Amino acid sequence: MEYLKELKEKHPEIVPFEEDDDNWESNGFEALKNSKYELAETYFGKLYLSQPKHHSGFEGLAYTYYLSHEFDKAEYFMERAIDIAKTFLEDDSIDIEVIQEMEENDLNIKNRKQLIMW
C-alpha cells in the first residue's frame, strides 16, 4: 500500500526489530495530546517500521491521521492494527478489551465520532 511505502521513504534509516524504540509510543501520544500531528506521525511511523508485527505503530498512526482529518489513512491503519492485535489473542498476550476498544474506535473513525484514547 502506498501509505506504508511513504513511511518507509520518510524513514529509510529504520531497521525492523533493531531499534531502541521503547519511548516512541509514549512520545507519539504526548505529541497527539499537544496537537503536534507531524511529530506524532514521525514517532508512530518509526514505531511501525521498527515493529511491523505489532499493532501499536499502526494504531497510533490511525489516531494521528484521524485527528489531522486524513480519514482514509486513519481507517486503513486502524484496520491493520486490529488485524495484528487479534493475532496476540492466540497466546493470551493481549486482553480482549483492548481489541474491543480498538474496534469501537474503528467505528468511531468510520462514523467521524469522538475517539476513546485518554
C-alpha atoms as a PDB file:
ATOM      1  CA  MET A   1       0.000   0.000   0.000  1.00  0.00           C
ATOM      2  CA  GLU A   2       1.176   3.485  -0.789  1.00  0.00           C
ATOM      3  CA  TYR A   3       0.811   4.701   2.805  1.00  0.00           C
ATOM      4  CA  LEU A   4       3.384   2.195   4.030  1.00  0.00           C
ATOM      5  CA  LYS A   5       5.720   2.992   1.152  1.00  0.00           C
ATOM      6  CA  GLU A   6       5.521   6.712   2.021  1.00  0.00           C
ATOM      7  CA  LEU A   7       6.547   5.996   5.628  1.00  0.00           C
ATOM      8  CA  LYS A   8       9.444   3.813   4.513  1.00  0.00           C
ATOM      9  CA  GLU A   9      10.650   6.594   2.236  1.00  0.00           C
ATOM     10  CA  LYS A  10      10.450   9.137   5.081  1.00  0.00           C
ATOM     11  CA  HIS A  11      12.470   6.946   7.448  1.00  0.00           C
ATOM     12  CA  PRO A  12      14.854   4.743   5.435  1.00  0.00           C
ATOM     13  CA  GLU A  13      17.217   4.575   8.412  1.00  0.00           C
ATOM     14  CA  ILE A  14      14.838   2.411  10.475  1.00  0.00           C
ATOM     15  CA  VAL A  15      15.799  -1.264  10.648  1.00  0.00           C
ATOM     16  CA  PRO A  16      12.961  -3.605  11.710  1.00  0.00           C
ATOM     17  CA  PHE A  17      13.442  -5.227  15.119  1.00  0.00           C
ATOM     18  CA  GLU A  18      16.777  -3.462  15.725  1.00  0.00           C
ATOM     19  CA  GLU A  19      15.764  -0.030  17.039  1.00  0.00           C
ATOM     20  CA  ASP A  20      15.759   1.479  20.506  1.00  0.00           C
ATOM     21  CA  ASP A  21      12.035   2.241  20.244  1.00  0.00           C
ATOM     22  CA  ASP A  22      10.952   1.963  23.883  1.00  0.00           C
ATOM     23  CA  ASN A  23       9.681   5.556  24.132  1.00  0.00           C
ATOM     24  CA  TRP A  24       8.310   6.108  20.653  1.00  0.00           C
ATOM     25  CA  GLU A  25       4.737   5.134  21.534  1.00  0.00           C
ATOM     26  CA  SER A  26       4.537   7.364  24.622  1.00  0.00           C
ATOM     27  CA  ASN A  27       6.260  10.206  22.748  1.00  0.00           C
ATOM     28  CA  GLY A  28       3.749   9.813  19.926  1.00  0.00           C
ATOM     29  CA  PHE A  29       0.783  10.026  22.272  1.00  0.00           C
ATOM     30  CA  GLU A  30       2.321  13.032  24.008  1.00  0.00           C
ATOM     31  CA  ALA A  31       2.628  14.743  20.625  1.00  0.00           C
ATOM     32  CA  LEU A  32      -1.025  13.899  19.868  1.00  0.00           C
ATOM     33  CA  LYS A  33      -2.154  15.398  23.174  1.00  0.00           C
ATOM     34  CA  ASN A  34      -0.401  18.607  22.167  1.00  0.00           C
ATOM     35  CA  SER A  35      -1.854  18.564  18.623  1.00  0.00           C
ATOM     36  CA  LYS A  36       1.608  18.080  17.115  1.00  0.00           C
ATOM     37  CA  TYR A  37       0.444  15.740  14.381  1.00  0.00           C
ATOM     38  CA  GLU A  38       3.591  15.766  12.263  1.00  0.00           C
ATOM     39  CA  LEU A  39       5.685  14.842  15.283  1.00  0.00           C
ATOM     40  CA  ALA A  40       3.193  12.118  16.253  1.00  0.00           C
ATOM     41  CA  GLU A  41       3.329  10.751  12.702  1.00  0.00           C
ATOM     42  CA  THR A  42       7.119  10.626  12.950  1.00  0.00           C
ATOM     43  CA  TYR A  43       7.110   8.671  16.206  1.00  0.00           C
ATOM     44  CA  PHE A  44       4.345   6.267  15.216  1.00  0.00           C
ATOM     45  CA  GLY A  45       5.726   5.857  11.702  1.00  0.00           C
ATOM     46  CA  LYS A  46       9.117   4.905  13.082  1.00  0.00           C
ATOM     47  CA  LEU A  47       7.432   2.566  15.578  1.00  0.00           C
ATOM     48  CA  TYR A  48       5.523   0.835  12.787  1.00  0.00           C
ATOM     49  CA  LEU A  49       8.730   0.422  10.773  1.00  0.00           C
ATOM     50  CA  SER A  50      10.649  -0.823  13.804  1.00  0.00           C
ATOM     51  CA  GLN A  51       7.917  -3.230  14.962  1.00  0.00           C
ATOM     52  CA  PRO A  52       5.878  -4.175  11.848  1.00  0.00           C
ATOM     53  CA  LYS A  53       4.345  -7.206  13.583  1.00  0.00           C
ATOM     54  CA  HIS A  54       2.958  -5.177  16.491  1.00  0.00           C
ATOM     55  CA  HIS A  55      -0.216  -3.113  16.432  1.00  0.00           C
ATOM     56  CA  SER A  56       0.989  -0.041  18.367  1.00  0.00           C
ATOM     57  CA  GLY A  57       2.545   1.872  15.476  1.00  0.00           C
ATOM     58  CA  PHE A  58      -0.459   1.208  13.241  1.00  0.00           C
ATOM     59  CA  GLU A  59      -2.913   2.226  15.955  1.00  0.00           C
ATOM     60  CA  GLY A  60      -1.006   5.415  16.741  1.00  0.00           C
ATOM     61  CA  LEU A  61      -0.914   6.325  13.056  1.00  0.00           C
ATOM     62  CA  ALA A  62      -4.679   5.746  12.831  1.00  0.00           C
ATOM     63  CA  TYR A  63      -5.295   8.214  15.659  1.00  0.00           C
ATOM     64  CA  THR A  64      -2.831  10.697  14.210  1.00  0.00           C
ATOM     65  CA  TYR A  65      -4.421  10.654  10.787  1.00  0.00           C
ATOM     66  CA  TYR A  66      -7.928  10.816  12.224  1.00  0.00           C
ATOM     67  CA  LEU A  67      -7.132  13.868  14.326  1.00  0.00           C
ATOM     68  CA  SER A  68      -5.449  15.537  11.348  1.00  0.00           C
ATOM     69  CA  HIS A  69      -8.530  14.747   9.204  1.00  0.00           C
ATOM     70  CA  GLU A  70      -6.863  12.212   6.906  1.00  0.00           C
ATOM     71  CA  PHE A  71      -9.752   9.807   7.297  1.00  0.00           C
ATOM     72  CA  ASP A  72      -8.861   7.263   4.592  1.00  0.00           C
ATOM     73  CA  LYS A  73      -5.434   6.781   6.119  1.00  0.00           C
ATOM     74  CA  ALA A  74      -6.956   6.547   9.602  1.00  0.00           C
ATOM     75  CA  GLU A  75      -9.302   3.764   8.508  1.00  0.00           C
ATOM     76  CA  TYR A  76      -6.525   1.885   6.746  1.00  0.00           C
ATOM     77  CA  PHE A  77      -4.161   1.931   9.729  1.00  0.00           C
ATOM     78  CA  MET A  78      -6.839   1.083  12.312  1.00  0.00           C
ATOM     79  CA  GLU A  79      -7.952  -1.938  10.318  1.00  0.00           C
ATOM     80  CA  ARG A  80      -4.326  -3.131  10.136  1.00  0.00           C
ATOM     81  CA  ALA A  81      -3.859  -2.511  13.871  1.00  0.00           C
ATOM     82  CA  ILE A  82      -6.900  -4.627  14.729  1.00  0.00           C
ATOM     83  CA  ASP A  83      -5.825  -7.463  12.442  1.00  0.00           C
ATOM     84  CA  ILE A  84      -2.384  -7.555  14.053  1.00  0.00           C
ATOM     85  CA  ALA A  85      -3.715  -7.214  17.616  1.00  0.00           C
ATOM     86  CA  LYS A  86      -6.031 -10.187  17.117  1.00  0.00           C
ATOM     87  CA  THR A  87      -3.025 -12.417  16.458  1.00  0.00           C
ATOM     88  CA  PHE A  88      -1.944 -11.779  20.061  1.00  0.00           C
ATOM     89  CA  LEU A  89      -5.145 -13.438  21.325  1.00  0.00           C
ATOM     90  CA  GLU A  90      -3.727 -16.820  20.341  1.00  0.00           C
ATOM     91  CA  ASP A  91      -1.171 -16.751  23.151  1.00  0.00           C
ATOM     92  CA  ASP A  92      -3.144 -14.543  25.561  1.00  0.00           C
ATOM     93  CA  SER A  93      -0.651 -11.684  25.274  1.00  0.00           C
ATOM     94  CA  ILE A  94      -3.433  -9.116  24.813  1.00  0.00           C
ATOM     95  CA  ASP A  95      -6.726  -8.608  26.592  1.00  0.00           C
ATOM     96  CA  ILE A  96      -9.886  -8.820  24.520  1.00  0.00           C
ATOM     97  CA  GLU A  97     -10.925  -5.450  25.990  1.00  0.00           C
ATOM     98  CA  VAL A  98      -8.024  -3.789  24.171  1.00  0.00           C
ATOM     99  CA  ILE A  99      -9.250  -5.152  20.860  1.00  0.00           C
ATOM    100  CA  GLN A 100     -12.837  -4.216  21.656  1.00  0.00           C
ATOM    101  CA  GLU A 101     -11.741  -0.631  22.318  1.00  0.00           C
ATOM    102  CA  MET A 102      -9.829  -0.603  19.054  1.00  0.00           C
ATOM    103  CA  GLU A 103     -12.894  -1.908  17.217  1.00  0.00           C
ATOM    104  CA  GLU A 104     -15.031   0.785  18.824  1.00  0.00           C
ATOM    105  CA  ASN A 105     -12.517   3.397  17.705  1.00  0.00           C
ATOM    106  CA  ASP A 106     -12.577   1.887  14.224  1.00  0.00           C
ATOM    107  CA  LEU A 107     -16.336   2.504  14.126  1.00  0.00           C
ATOM    108  CA  ASN A 108     -15.811   5.996  15.512  1.00  0.00           C
ATOM    109  CA  ILE A 109     -13.288   6.708  12.767  1.00  0.00           C
ATOM    110  CA  LYS A 110     -15.659   5.449  10.087  1.00  0.00           C
ATOM    111  CA  ASN A 111     -18.531   7.486  11.554  1.00  0.00           C
ATOM    112  CA  ARG A 112     -16.370  10.541  12.345  1.00  0.00           C
ATOM    113  CA  LYS A 113     -17.104  10.401  16.071  1.00  0.00           C
ATOM    114  CA  GLN A 114     -15.025  11.062  19.176  1.00  0.00           C
ATOM    115  CA  LEU A 115     -12.192   8.592  19.762  1.00  0.00           C
ATOM    116  CA  ILE A 116     -11.506   6.760  23.010  1.00  0.00           C
ATOM    117  CA  MET A 117      -7.836   7.414  23.730  1.00  0.00           C
ATOM    118  CA  TRP A 118      -7.042   9.035  27.066  1.00  0.00           C
END
